[in-house]
Amino acid sequence: MLSKELMAASTRPLILTILKRGESYGYQIIQDVKHLSGGTLEWSDGMLYPVLHKLQKDGCIQSKWVVSNEGRRRKYYSITEIGLEELQTAKEQWLSIHEVFAKIWGPTPQWATD
């Protein structure tokens, strides 16, 4: 199980990555995260929606209401240019951290060869 801090740090980039693929709604985002993580990450509505609202307030995503064929209203979210920029920055940062851990936790830790 991931720590609360790591879960919180990864939430924004995960949501933005999912929305980069195309617009989606809350329940589907939760299911996508669960599927993509192999069940490691299980988000709740109470965790997701505050982050979606903050992303929207920050201009990273936008939303619109859509009525389905069954007459059900659903709020769809999509990424904005600001969100794409934030995602690119986050991706670069996460990849940098990943490289460090790969060096120190890999088959031959970097300091073992120094």
PDB file of N, CA and C in Angstrom:
ATOM      1  N   MET A   1       0.846  -1.181   0.000  1.00  0.00           N
ATOM      2  CA  MET A   1       0.000   0.000   0.000  1.00  0.00           C
ATOM      3  C   MET A   1       0.892   1.245   0.000  1.00  0.00           C
ATOM      4  N   LEU A   2       0.527   2.211  -0.813  1.00  0.00           N
ATOM      5  CA  LEU A   2       1.295   3.445  -0.901  1.00  0.00           C
ATOM      6  C   LEU A   2       1.012   4.357   0.280  1.00  0.00           C
ATOM      7  N   SER A   3       2.006   5.130   0.652  1.00  0.00           N
ATOM      8  CA  SER A   3       1.810   6.094   1.728  1.00  0.00           C
ATOM      9  C   SER A   3       0.849   7.182   1.264  1.00  0.00           C
ATOM     10  N   LYS A   4       0.225   7.808   2.229  1.00  0.00           N
ATOM     11  CA  LYS A   4      -0.705   8.902   1.941  1.00  0.00           C
ATOM     12  C   LYS A   4      -0.003  10.028   1.178  1.00  0.00           C
ATOM     13  N   GLU A   5       1.242  10.303   1.551  1.00  0.00           N
ATOM     14  CA  GLU A   5       2.006  11.378   0.924  1.00  0.00           C
ATOM     15  C   GLU A   5       2.320  11.073  -0.541  1.00  0.00           C
ATOM     16  N   LEU A   6       2.733   9.837  -0.817  1.00  0.00           N
ATOM     17  CA  LEU A   6       3.045   9.461  -2.192  1.00  0.00           C
ATOM     18  C   LEU A   6       1.778   9.434  -3.038  1.00  0.00           C
ATOM     19  N   MET A   7       0.691   8.944  -2.463  1.00  0.00           N
ATOM     20  CA  MET A   7      -0.592   8.933  -3.160  1.00  0.00           C
ATOM     21  C   MET A   7      -0.998  10.364  -3.527  1.00  0.00           C
ATOM     22  N   ALA A   8      -0.878  11.276  -2.569  1.00  0.00           N
ATOM     23  CA  ALA A   8      -1.261  12.670  -2.816  1.00  0.00           C
ATOM     24  C   ALA A   8      -0.372  13.299  -3.878  1.00  0.00           C
ATOM     25  N   ALA A   9       0.922  13.022  -3.836  1.00  0.00           N
ATOM     26  CA  ALA A   9       1.857  13.608  -4.796  1.00  0.00           C
ATOM     27  C   ALA A   9       1.609  13.132  -6.223  1.00  0.00           C
ATOM     28  N   SER A  10       1.089  11.932  -6.370  1.00  0.00           N
ATOM     29  CA  SER A  10       0.897  11.363  -7.709  1.00  0.00           C
ATOM     30  C   SER A  10      -0.490  11.632  -8.300  1.00  0.00           C
ATOM     31  N   THR A  11      -1.406  12.148  -7.514  1.00  0.00           N
ATOM     32  CA  THR A  11      -2.787  12.288  -7.955  1.00  0.00           C
ATOM     33  C   THR A  11      -2.946  13.231  -9.142  1.00  0.00           C
ATOM     34  N   ARG A  12      -2.411  14.428  -9.043  1.00  0.00           N
ATOM     35  CA  ARG A  12      -2.568  15.404 -10.133  1.00  0.00           C
ATOM     36  C   ARG A  12      -1.986  14.887 -11.450  1.00  0.00           C
ATOM     37  N   PRO A  13      -0.717  14.413 -11.452  1.00  0.00           N
ATOM     38  CA  PRO A  13      -0.197  13.934 -12.733  1.00  0.00           C
ATOM     39  C   PRO A  13      -0.948  12.725 -13.281  1.00  0.00           C
ATOM     40  N   LEU A  14      -1.447  11.865 -12.404  1.00  0.00           N
ATOM     41  CA  LEU A  14      -2.227  10.723 -12.898  1.00  0.00           C
ATOM     42  C   LEU A  14      -3.521  11.181 -13.564  1.00  0.00           C
ATOM     43  N   ILE A  15      -4.222  12.095 -12.923  1.00  0.00           N
ATOM     44  CA  ILE A  15      -5.474  12.599 -13.506  1.00  0.00           C
ATOM     45  C   ILE A  15      -5.195  13.298 -14.828  1.00  0.00           C
ATOM     46  N   LEU A  16      -4.174  14.143 -14.854  1.00  0.00           N
ATOM     47  CA  LEU A  16      -3.857  14.858 -16.093  1.00  0.00           C
ATOM     48  C   LEU A  16      -3.451  13.903 -17.208  1.00  0.00           C
ATOM     49  N   THR A  17      -2.729  12.845 -16.863  1.00  0.00           N
ATOM     50  CA  THR A  17      -2.335  11.851 -17.869  1.00  0.00           C
ATOM     51  C   THR A  17      -3.564  11.155 -18.444  1.00  0.00           C
ATOM     52  N   ILE A  18      -4.490  10.787 -17.592  1.00  0.00           N
ATOM     53  CA  ILE A  18      -5.720  10.142 -18.063  1.00  0.00           C
ATOM     54  C   ILE A  18      -6.506  11.089 -18.962  1.00  0.00           C
ATOM     55  N   LEU A  19      -6.600  12.344 -18.572  1.00  0.00           N
ATOM     56  CA  LEU A  19      -7.368  13.306 -19.370  1.00  0.00           C
ATOM     57  C   LEU A  19      -6.648  13.701 -20.652  1.00  0.00           C
ATOM     58  N   LYS A  20      -5.337  13.511 -20.705  1.00  0.00           N
ATOM     59  CA  LYS A  20      -4.612  13.771 -21.955  1.00  0.00           C
ATOM     60  C   LYS A  20      -5.067  12.800 -23.043  1.00  0.00           C
ATOM     61  N   ARG A  21      -5.483  11.605 -22.638  1.00  0.00           N
ATOM     62  CA  ARG A  21      -5.976  10.600 -23.599  1.00  0.00           C
ATOM     63  C   ARG A  21      -7.351  10.955 -24.148  1.00  0.00           C
ATOM     64  N   GLY A  22      -8.086  11.794 -23.415  1.00  0.00           N
ATOM     65  CA  GLY A  22      -9.423  12.190 -23.843  1.00  0.00           C
ATOM     66  C   GLY A  22     -10.286  12.518 -22.645  1.00  0.00           C
ATOM     67  N   GLU A  23     -11.397  13.190 -22.892  1.00  0.00           N
ATOM     68  CA  GLU A  23     -12.253  13.593 -21.778  1.00  0.00           C
ATOM     69  C   GLU A  23     -12.821  12.365 -21.062  1.00  0.00           C
ATOM     70  N   SER A  24     -13.109  12.563 -19.769  1.00  0.00           N
ATOM     71  CA  SER A  24     -13.609  11.470 -18.958  1.00  0.00           C
ATOM     72  C   SER A  24     -14.412  12.045 -17.803  1.00  0.00           C
ATOM     73  N   TYR A  25     -15.081  11.169 -17.075  1.00  0.00           N
ATOM     74  CA  TYR A  25     -15.875  11.572 -15.919  1.00  0.00           C
ATOM     75  C   TYR A  25     -15.334  10.868 -14.678  1.00  0.00           C
ATOM     76  N   GLY A  26     -15.738  11.334 -13.511  1.00  0.00           N
ATOM     77  CA  GLY A  26     -15.175  10.902 -12.252  1.00  0.00           C
ATOM     78  C   GLY A  26     -15.076   9.403 -12.062  1.00  0.00           C
ATOM     79  N   TYR A  27     -16.185   8.696 -12.182  1.00  0.00           N
ATOM     80  CA  TYR A  27     -16.176   7.254 -11.949  1.00  0.00           C
ATOM     81  C   TYR A  27     -15.218   6.548 -12.910  1.00  0.00           C
ATOM     82  N   GLN A  28     -15.194   6.990 -14.155  1.00  0.00           N
ATOM     83  CA  GLN A  28     -14.304   6.362 -15.136  1.00  0.00           C
ATOM     84  C   GLN A  28     -12.841   6.623 -14.794  1.00  0.00           C
ATOM     85  N   ILE A  29     -12.534   7.822 -14.304  1.00  0.00           N
ATOM     86  CA  ILE A  29     -11.167   8.127 -13.888  1.00  0.00           C
ATOM     87  C   ILE A  29     -10.748   7.186 -12.754  1.00  0.00           C
ATOM     88  N   ILE A  30     -11.624   6.999 -11.789  1.00  0.00           N
ATOM     89  CA  ILE A  30     -11.334   6.086 -10.672  1.00  0.00           C
ATOM     90  C   ILE A  30     -11.064   4.674 -11.196  1.00  0.00           C
ATOM     91  N   GLN A  31     -11.869   4.211 -12.133  1.00  0.00           N
ATOM     92  CA  GLN A  31     -11.693   2.880 -12.701  1.00  0.00           C
ATOM     93  C   GLN A  31     -10.404   2.790 -13.514  1.00  0.00           C
ATOM     94  N   ASP A  32     -10.086   3.850 -14.264  1.00  0.00           N
ATOM     95  CA  ASP A  32      -8.846   3.861 -15.053  1.00  0.00           C
ATOM     96  C   ASP A  32      -7.619   3.770 -14.147  1.00  0.00           C
ATOM     97  N   VAL A  33      -7.624   4.517 -13.048  1.00  0.00           N
ATOM     98  CA  VAL A  33      -6.501   4.489 -12.110  1.00  0.00           C
ATOM     99  C   VAL A  33      -6.354   3.086 -11.524  1.00  0.00           C
ATOM    100  N   LYS A  34      -7.450   2.506 -11.131  1.00  0.00           N
ATOM    101  CA  LYS A  34      -7.414   1.145 -10.570  1.00  0.00           C
ATOM    102  C   LYS A  34      -6.853   0.160 -11.592  1.00  0.00           C
ATOM    103  N   HIS A  35      -7.330   0.253 -12.825  1.00  0.00           N
ATOM    104  CA  HIS A  35      -6.882  -0.650 -13.883  1.00  0.00           C
ATOM    105  C   HIS A  35      -5.398  -0.428 -14.207  1.00  0.00           C
ATOM    106  N   LEU A  36      -4.995   0.832 -14.410  1.00  0.00           N
ATOM    107  CA  LEU A  36      -3.625   1.143 -14.787  1.00  0.00           C
ATOM    108  C   LEU A  36      -2.623   0.750 -13.697  1.00  0.00           C
ATOM    109  N   SER A  37      -3.054   0.799 -12.446  1.00  0.00           N
ATOM    110  CA  SER A  37      -2.162   0.470 -11.336  1.00  0.00           C
ATOM    111  C   SER A  37      -2.227  -1.006 -10.956  1.00  0.00           C
ATOM    112  N   GLY A  38      -3.003  -1.780 -11.679  1.00  0.00           N
ATOM    113  CA  GLY A  38      -3.146  -3.194 -11.341  1.00  0.00           C
ATOM    114  C   GLY A  38      -3.815  -3.388  -9.992  1.00  0.00           C
ATOM    115  N   GLY A  39      -4.638  -2.419  -9.600  1.00  0.00           N
ATOM    116  CA  GLY A  39      -5.353  -2.507  -8.338  1.00  0.00           C
ATOM    117  C   GLY A  39      -4.592  -1.938  -7.147  1.00  0.00           C
ATOM    118  N   THR A  40      -3.368  -1.484  -7.362  1.00  0.00           N
ATOM    119  CA  THR A  40      -2.573  -0.911  -6.274  1.00  0.00           C
ATOM    120  C   THR A  40      -3.185   0.387  -5.763  1.00  0.00           C
ATOM    121  N   LEU A  41      -3.704   1.191  -6.685  1.00  0.00           N
ATOM    122  CA  LEU A  41      -4.329   2.462  -6.319  1.00  0.00           C
ATOM    123  C   LEU A  41      -5.839   2.326  -6.424  1.00  0.00           C
ATOM    124  N   GLU A  42      -6.508   2.522  -5.330  1.00  0.00           N
ATOM    125  CA  GLU A  42      -7.963   2.505  -5.320  1.00  0.00           C
ATOM    126  C   GLU A  42      -8.438   3.822  -4.727  1.00  0.00           C
ATOM    127  N   TRP A  43      -8.900   4.684  -5.596  1.00  0.00           N
ATOM    128  CA  TRP A  43      -9.361   6.007  -5.185  1.00  0.00           C
ATOM    129  C   TRP A  43     -10.841   5.972  -4.859  1.00  0.00           C
ATOM    130  N   SER A  44     -11.239   6.883  -4.001  1.00  0.00           N
ATOM    131  CA  SER A  44     -12.658   7.048  -3.669  1.00  0.00           C
ATOM    132  C   SER A  44     -13.146   8.371  -4.251  1.00  0.00           C
ATOM    133  N   ASP A  45     -14.463   8.525  -4.298  1.00  0.00           N
ATOM    134  CA  ASP A  45     -15.050   9.799  -4.741  1.00  0.00           C
ATOM    135  C   ASP A  45     -14.537  10.941  -3.874  1.00  0.00           C
ATOM    136  N   GLY A  46     -14.485  10.697  -2.570  1.00  0.00           N
ATOM    137  CA  GLY A  46     -14.069  11.724  -1.629  1.00  0.00           C
ATOM    138  C   GLY A  46     -12.628  12.162  -1.800  1.00  0.00           C
ATOM    139  N   MET A  47     -11.822  11.329  -2.425  1.00  0.00           N
ATOM    140  CA  MET A  47     -10.439  11.687  -2.700  1.00  0.00           C
ATOM    141  C   MET A  47     -10.318  12.371  -4.054  1.00  0.00           C
ATOM    142  N   LEU A  48     -11.069  11.881  -5.042  1.00  0.00           N
ATOM    143  CA  LEU A  48     -10.936  12.376  -6.416  1.00  0.00           C
ATOM    144  C   LEU A  48     -11.522  13.764  -6.621  1.00  0.00           C
ATOM    145  N   TYR A  49     -12.759  13.975  -6.190  1.00  0.00           N
ATOM    146  CA  TYR A  49     -13.449  15.206  -6.563  1.00  0.00           C
ATOM    147  C   TYR A  49     -12.814  16.484  -6.023  1.00  0.00           C
ATOM    148  N   PRO A  50     -12.265  16.503  -4.814  1.00  0.00           N
ATOM    149  CA  PRO A  50     -11.558  17.724  -4.395  1.00  0.00           C
ATOM    150  C   PRO A  50     -10.363  18.046  -5.308  1.00  0.00           C
ATOM    151  N   VAL A  51      -9.670  17.010  -5.779  1.00  0.00           N
ATOM    152  CA  VAL A  51      -8.527  17.229  -6.673  1.00  0.00           C
ATOM    153  C   VAL A  51      -9.018  17.740  -8.021  1.00  0.00           C
ATOM    154  N   LEU A  52     -10.110  17.169  -8.541  1.00  0.00           N
ATOM    155  CA  LEU A  52     -10.677  17.661  -9.797  1.00  0.00           C
ATOM    156  C   LEU A  52     -11.080  19.125  -9.663  1.00  0.00           C
ATOM    157  N   HIS A  53     -11.706  19.485  -8.552  1.00  0.00           N
ATOM    158  CA  HIS A  53     -12.126  20.878  -8.348  1.00  0.00           C
ATOM    159  C   HIS A  53     -10.921  21.803  -8.275  1.00  0.00           C
ATOM    160  N   LYS A  54      -9.848  21.358  -7.611  1.00  0.00           N
ATOM    161  CA  LYS A  54      -8.628  22.173  -7.517  1.00  0.00           C
ATOM    162  C   LYS A  54      -7.968  22.309  -8.879  1.00  0.00           C
ATOM    163  N   LEU A  55      -7.909  21.223  -9.644  1.00  0.00           N
ATOM    164  CA  LEU A  55      -7.347  21.288 -10.992  1.00  0.00           C
ATOM    165  C   LEU A  55      -8.140  22.258 -11.865  1.00  0.00           C
ATOM    166  N   GLN A  56      -9.463  22.246 -11.713  1.00  0.00           N
ATOM    167  CA  GLN A  56     -10.292  23.157 -12.495  1.00  0.00           C
ATOM    168  C   GLN A  56     -10.063  24.606 -12.052  1.00  0.00           C
ATOM    169  N   LYS A  57      -9.990  24.824 -10.749  1.00  0.00           N
ATOM    170  CA  LYS A  57      -9.734  26.167 -10.219  1.00  0.00           C
ATOM    171  C   LYS A  57      -8.387  26.693 -10.709  1.00  0.00           C
ATOM    172  N   ASP A  58      -7.392  25.804 -10.821  1.00  0.00           N
ATOM    173  CA  ASP A  58      -6.057  26.175 -11.273  1.00  0.00           C
ATOM    174  C   ASP A  58      -5.965  26.325 -12.795  1.00  0.00           C
ATOM    175  N   GLY A  59      -7.049  26.026 -13.506  1.00  0.00           N
ATOM    176  CA  GLY A  59      -7.068  26.171 -14.957  1.00  0.00           C
ATOM    177  C   GLY A  59      -6.473  25.006 -15.713  1.00  0.00           C
ATOM    178  N   CYS A  60      -6.197  23.908 -15.020  1.00  0.00           N
ATOM    179  CA  CYS A  60      -5.577  22.738 -15.659  1.00  0.00           C
ATOM    180  C   CYS A  60      -6.580  21.862 -16.398  1.00  0.00           C
ATOM    181  N   ILE A  61      -7.817  21.889 -15.950  1.00  0.00           N
ATOM    182  CA  ILE A  61      -8.871  21.125 -16.610  1.00  0.00           C
ATOM    183  C   ILE A  61     -10.114  21.996 -16.730  1.00  0.00           C
ATOM    184  N   GLN A  62     -11.010  21.566 -17.585  1.00  0.00           N
ATOM    185  CA  GLN A  62     -12.318  22.204 -17.709  1.00  0.00           C
ATOM    186  C   GLN A  62     -13.369  21.104 -17.675  1.00  0.00           C
ATOM    187  N   SER A  63     -14.610  21.504 -17.451  1.00  0.00           N
ATOM    188  CA  SER A  63     -15.666  20.489 -17.368  1.00  0.00           C
ATOM    189  C   SER A  63     -16.904  20.955 -18.111  1.00  0.00           C
ATOM    190  N   LYS A  64     -17.727  19.969 -18.431  1.00  0.00           N
ATOM    191  CA  LYS A  64     -19.024  20.247 -19.049  1.00  0.00           C
ATOM    192  C   LYS A  64     -19.981  19.131 -18.668  1.00  0.00           C
ATOM    193  N   TRP A  65     -21.238  19.476 -18.573  1.00  0.00           N
ATOM    194  CA  TRP A  65     -22.269  18.481 -18.296  1.00  0.00           C
ATOM    195  C   TRP A  65     -22.753  17.894 -19.609  1.00  0.00           C
ATOM    196  N   VAL A  66     -22.900  16.585 -19.629  1.00  0.00           N
ATOM    197  CA  VAL A  66     -23.387  15.863 -20.805  1.00  0.00           C
ATOM    198  C   VAL A  66     -24.519  14.955 -20.358  1.00  0.00           C
ATOM    199  N   VAL A  67     -25.583  14.927 -21.148  1.00  0.00           N
ATOM    200  CA  VAL A  67     -26.710  14.038 -20.859  1.00  0.00           C
ATOM    201  C   VAL A  67     -26.537  12.786 -21.708  1.00  0.00           C
ATOM    202  N   SER A  68     -26.521  11.635 -21.053  1.00  0.00           N
ATOM    203  CA  SER A  68     -26.341  10.362 -21.762  1.00  0.00           C
ATOM    204  C   SER A  68     -27.620   9.977 -22.490  1.00  0.00           C
ATOM    205  N   ASN A  69     -27.534   8.935 -23.288  1.00  0.00           N
ATOM    206  CA  ASN A  69     -28.705   8.423 -24.013  1.00  0.00           C
ATOM    207  C   ASN A  69     -29.811   7.990 -23.053  1.00  0.00           C
ATOM    208  N   GLU A  70     -29.422   7.598 -21.838  1.00  0.00           N
ATOM    209  CA  GLU A  70     -30.399   7.168 -20.831  1.00  0.00           C
ATOM    210  C   GLU A  70     -30.981   8.357 -20.067  1.00  0.00           C
ATOM    211  N   GLY A  71     -30.529   9.568 -20.391  1.00  0.00           N
ATOM    212  CA  GLY A  71     -31.028  10.760 -19.733  1.00  0.00           C
ATOM    213  C   GLY A  71     -30.285  11.136 -18.462  1.00  0.00           C
ATOM    214  N   ARG A  72     -29.203  10.455 -18.182  1.00  0.00           N
ATOM    215  CA  ARG A  72     -28.419  10.727 -16.974  1.00  0.00           C
ATOM    216  C   ARG A  72     -27.382  11.814 -17.266  1.00  0.00           C
ATOM    217  N   ARG A  73     -27.303  12.789 -16.366  1.00  0.00           N
ATOM    218  CA  ARG A  73     -26.305  13.858 -16.508  1.00  0.00           C
ATOM    219  C   ARG A  73     -24.983  13.388 -15.903  1.00  0.00           C
ATOM    220  N   ARG A  74     -23.916  13.691 -16.621  1.00  0.00           N
ATOM    221  CA  ARG A  74     -22.595  13.292 -16.171  1.00  0.00           C
ATOM    222  C   ARG A  74     -21.633  14.443 -16.474  1.00  0.00           C
ATOM    223  N   LYS A  75     -20.763  14.763 -15.525  1.00  0.00           N
ATOM    224  CA  LYS A  75     -19.798  15.838 -15.710  1.00  0.00           C
ATOM    225  C   LYS A  75     -18.518  15.264 -16.308  1.00  0.00           C
ATOM    226  N   TYR A  76     -18.177  15.750 -17.495  1.00  0.00           N
ATOM    227  CA  TYR A  76     -16.972  15.313 -18.183  1.00  0.00           C
ATOM    228  C   TYR A  76     -15.878  16.348 -18.018  1.00  0.00           C
ATOM    229  N   TYR A  77     -14.657  15.864 -17.822  1.00  0.00           N
ATOM    230  CA  TYR A  77     -13.499  16.727 -17.629  1.00  0.00           C
ATOM    231  C   TYR A  77     -12.541  16.550 -18.803  1.00  0.00           C
ATOM    232  N   SER A  78     -11.878  17.641 -19.167  1.00  0.00           N
ATOM    233  CA  SER A  78     -10.859  17.587 -20.212  1.00  0.00           C
ATOM    234  C   SER A  78      -9.688  18.476 -19.807  1.00  0.00           C
ATOM    235  N   ILE A  79      -8.531  18.143 -20.347  1.00  0.00           N
ATOM    236  CA  ILE A  79      -7.310  18.869 -20.001  1.00  0.00           C
ATOM    237  C   ILE A  79      -7.217  20.148 -20.831  1.00  0.00           C
ATOM    238  N   THR A  80      -6.625  21.185 -20.264  1.00  0.00           N
ATOM    239  CA  THR A  80      -6.413  22.458 -20.951  1.00  0.00           C
ATOM    240  C   THR A  80      -4.932  22.599 -21.301  1.00  0.00           C
ATOM    241  N   GLU A  81      -4.597  23.672 -21.989  1.00  0.00           N
ATOM    242  CA  GLU A  81      -3.190  23.941 -22.304  1.00  0.00           C
ATOM    243  C   GLU A  81      -2.367  24.086 -21.020  1.00  0.00           C
ATOM    244  N   ILE A  82      -2.933  24.756 -20.028  1.00  0.00           N
ATOM    245  CA  ILE A  82      -2.232  24.901 -18.743  1.00  0.00           C
ATOM    246  C   ILE A  82      -1.994  23.520 -18.130  1.00  0.00           C
ATOM    247  N   GLY A  83      -2.990  22.649 -18.228  1.00  0.00           N
ATOM    248  CA  GLY A  83      -2.857  21.287 -17.712  1.00  0.00           C
ATOM    249  C   GLY A  83      -1.797  20.494 -18.449  1.00  0.00           C
ATOM    250  N   LEU A  84      -1.725  20.679 -19.766  1.00  0.00           N
ATOM    251  CA  LEU A  84      -0.696  19.990 -20.551  1.00  0.00           C
ATOM    252  C   LEU A  84       0.699  20.448 -20.136  1.00  0.00           C
ATOM    253  N   GLU A  85       0.838  21.747 -19.867  1.00  0.00           N
ATOM    254  CA  GLU A  85       2.124  22.274 -19.413  1.00  0.00           C
ATOM    255  C   GLU A  85       2.482  21.710 -18.039  1.00  0.00           C
ATOM    256  N   GLU A  86       1.508  21.685 -17.128  1.00  0.00           N
ATOM    257  CA  GLU A  86       1.767  21.124 -15.794  1.00  0.00           C
ATOM    258  C   GLU A  86       2.131  19.653 -15.900  1.00  0.00           C
ATOM    259  N   LEU A  87       1.444  18.930 -16.767  1.00  0.00           N
ATOM    260  CA  LEU A  87       1.726  17.509 -16.937  1.00  0.00           C
ATOM    261  C   LEU A  87       3.146  17.297 -17.450  1.00  0.00           C
ATOM    262  N   GLN A  88       3.578  18.095 -18.400  1.00  0.00           N
ATOM    263  CA  GLN A  88       4.933  17.959 -18.933  1.00  0.00           C
ATOM    264  C   GLN A  88       5.977  18.201 -17.845  1.00  0.00           C
ATOM    265  N   THR A  89       5.749  19.224 -17.039  1.00  0.00           N
ATOM    266  CA  THR A  89       6.662  19.518 -15.932  1.00  0.00           C
ATOM    267  C   THR A  89       6.685  18.362 -14.934  1.00  0.00           C
ATOM    268  N   ALA A  90       5.506  17.875 -14.572  1.00  0.00           N
ATOM    269  CA  ALA A  90       5.416  16.762 -13.623  1.00  0.00           C
ATOM    270  C   ALA A  90       6.101  15.515 -14.174  1.00  0.00           C
ATOM    271  N   LYS A  91       5.905  15.264 -15.458  1.00  0.00           N
ATOM    272  CA  LYS A  91       6.515  14.084 -16.081  1.00  0.00           C
ATOM    273  C   LYS A  91       8.035  14.171 -15.996  1.00  0.00           C
ATOM    274  N   GLU A  92       8.586  15.336 -16.300  1.00  0.00           N
ATOM    275  CA  GLU A  92      10.037  15.510 -16.232  1.00  0.00           C
ATOM    276  C   GLU A  92      10.535  15.294 -14.802  1.00  0.00           C
ATOM    277  N   GLN A  93       9.808  15.814 -13.820  1.00  0.00           N
ATOM    278  CA  GLN A  93      10.214  15.666 -12.429  1.00  0.00           C
ATOM    279  C   GLN A  93      10.145  14.212 -11.971  1.00  0.00           C
ATOM    280  N   TRP A  94       9.050  13.531 -12.289  1.00  0.00           N
ATOM    281  CA  TRP A  94       8.900  12.132 -11.878  1.00  0.00           C
ATOM    282  C   TRP A  94       9.943  11.249 -12.559  1.00  0.00           C
ATOM    283  N   LEU A  95      10.244  11.520 -13.829  1.00  0.00           N
ATOM    284  CA  LEU A  95      11.263  10.723 -14.517  1.00  0.00           C
ATOM    285  C   LEU A  95      12.646  10.955 -13.919  1.00  0.00           C
ATOM    286  N   SER A  96      12.924  12.181 -13.494  1.00  0.00           N
ATOM    287  CA  SER A  96      14.201  12.462 -12.824  1.00  0.00           C
ATOM    288  C   SER A  96      14.327  11.670 -11.534  1.00  0.00           C
ATOM    289  N   ILE A  97      13.275  11.664 -10.742  1.00  0.00           N
ATOM    290  CA  ILE A  97      13.281  10.899  -9.494  1.00  0.00           C
ATOM    291  C   ILE A  97      13.417   9.405  -9.786  1.00  0.00           C
ATOM    292  N   HIS A  98      12.696   8.935 -10.806  1.00  0.00           N
ATOM    293  CA  HIS A  98      12.778   7.526 -11.190  1.00  0.00           C
ATOM    294  C   HIS A  98      14.213   7.143 -11.556  1.00  0.00           C
ATOM    295  N   GLU A  99      14.897   8.006 -12.300  1.00  0.00           N
ATOM    296  CA  GLU A  99      16.276   7.720 -12.694  1.00  0.00           C
ATOM    297  C   GLU A  99      17.184   7.583 -11.473  1.00  0.00           C
ATOM    298  N   VAL A 100      16.984   8.451 -10.492  1.00  0.00           N
ATOM    299  CA  VAL A 100      17.796   8.375  -9.275  1.00  0.00           C
ATOM    300  C   VAL A 100      17.567   7.038  -8.577  1.00  0.00           C
ATOM    301  N   PHE A 101      16.293   6.661  -8.399  1.00  0.00           N
ATOM    302  CA  PHE A 101      16.006   5.393  -7.726  1.00  0.00           C
ATOM    303  C   PHE A 101      16.496   4.202  -8.547  1.00  0.00           C
ATOM    304  N   ALA A 102      16.400   4.283  -9.860  1.00  0.00           N
ATOM    305  CA  ALA A 102      16.895   3.189 -10.695  1.00  0.00           C
ATOM    306  C   ALA A 102      18.400   3.011 -10.498  1.00  0.00           C
ATOM    307  N   LYS A 103      19.118   4.124 -10.327  1.00  0.00           N
ATOM    308  CA  LYS A 103      20.563   4.046 -10.107  1.00  0.00           C
ATOM    309  C   LYS A 103      20.901   3.446  -8.751  1.00  0.00           C
ATOM    310  N   ILE A 104      20.177   3.851  -7.727  1.00  0.00           N
ATOM    311  CA  ILE A 104      20.548   3.384  -6.385  1.00  0.00           C
ATOM    312  C   ILE A 104      19.893   2.069  -5.993  1.00  0.00           C
ATOM    313  N   TRP A 105      18.803   1.705  -6.663  1.00  0.00           N
ATOM    314  CA  TRP A 105      18.129   0.447  -6.339  1.00  0.00           C
ATOM    315  C   TRP A 105      18.281  -0.600  -7.427  1.00  0.00           C
ATOM    316  N   GLY A 106      18.951  -0.267  -8.512  1.00  0.00           N
ATOM    317  CA  GLY A 106      19.096  -1.181  -9.636  1.00  0.00           C
ATOM    318  C   GLY A 106      19.965  -2.374  -9.291  1.00  0.00           C
ATOM    319  N   PRO A 107      20.214  -3.244 -10.268  1.00  0.00           N
ATOM    320  CA  PRO A 107      21.006  -4.457 -10.040  1.00  0.00           C
ATOM    321  C   PRO A 107      22.404  -4.157  -9.502  1.00  0.00           C
ATOM    322  N   THR A 108      22.996  -3.061  -9.967  1.00  0.00           N
ATOM    323  CA  THR A 108      24.303  -2.636  -9.476  1.00  0.00           C
ATOM    324  C   THR A 108      24.174  -1.210  -8.994  1.00  0.00           C
ATOM    325  N   PRO A 109      23.903  -1.015  -7.694  1.00  0.00           N
ATOM    326  CA  PRO A 109      23.742   0.356  -7.203  1.00  0.00           C
ATOM    327  C   PRO A 109      24.952   1.211  -7.541  1.00  0.00           C
ATOM    328  N   GLN A 110      24.689   2.448  -7.926  1.00  0.00           N
ATOM    329  CA  GLN A 110      25.733   3.357  -8.396  1.00  0.00           C
ATOM    330  C   GLN A 110      26.893   3.471  -7.414  1.00  0.00           C
ATOM    331  N   TRP A 111      26.617   3.600  -6.122  1.00  0.00           N
ATOM    332  CA  TRP A 111      27.702   3.775  -5.178  1.00  0.00           C
ATOM    333  C   TRP A 111      28.538   2.505  -5.001  1.00  0.00           C
ATOM    334  N   ALA A 112      28.022   1.358  -5.457  1.00  0.00           N
ATOM    335  CA  ALA A 112      28.787   0.110  -5.353  1.00  0.00           C
ATOM    336  C   ALA A 112      29.956   0.115  -6.338  1.00  0.00           C
ATOM    337  N   THR A 113      29.878   0.938  -7.390  1.00  0.00           N
ATOM    338  CA  THR A 113      30.932   0.980  -8.408  1.00  0.00           C
ATOM    339  C   THR A 113      31.860   2.152  -8.204  1.00  0.00           C
ATOM    340  N   ASP A 114      31.560   3.014  -7.226  1.00  0.00           N
ATOM    341  CA  ASP A 114      32.409   4.212  -6.973  1.00  0.00           C
ATOM    342  C   ASP A 114      33.630   3.841  -6.181  1.00  0.00           C
TER     343      ASP A 114
END
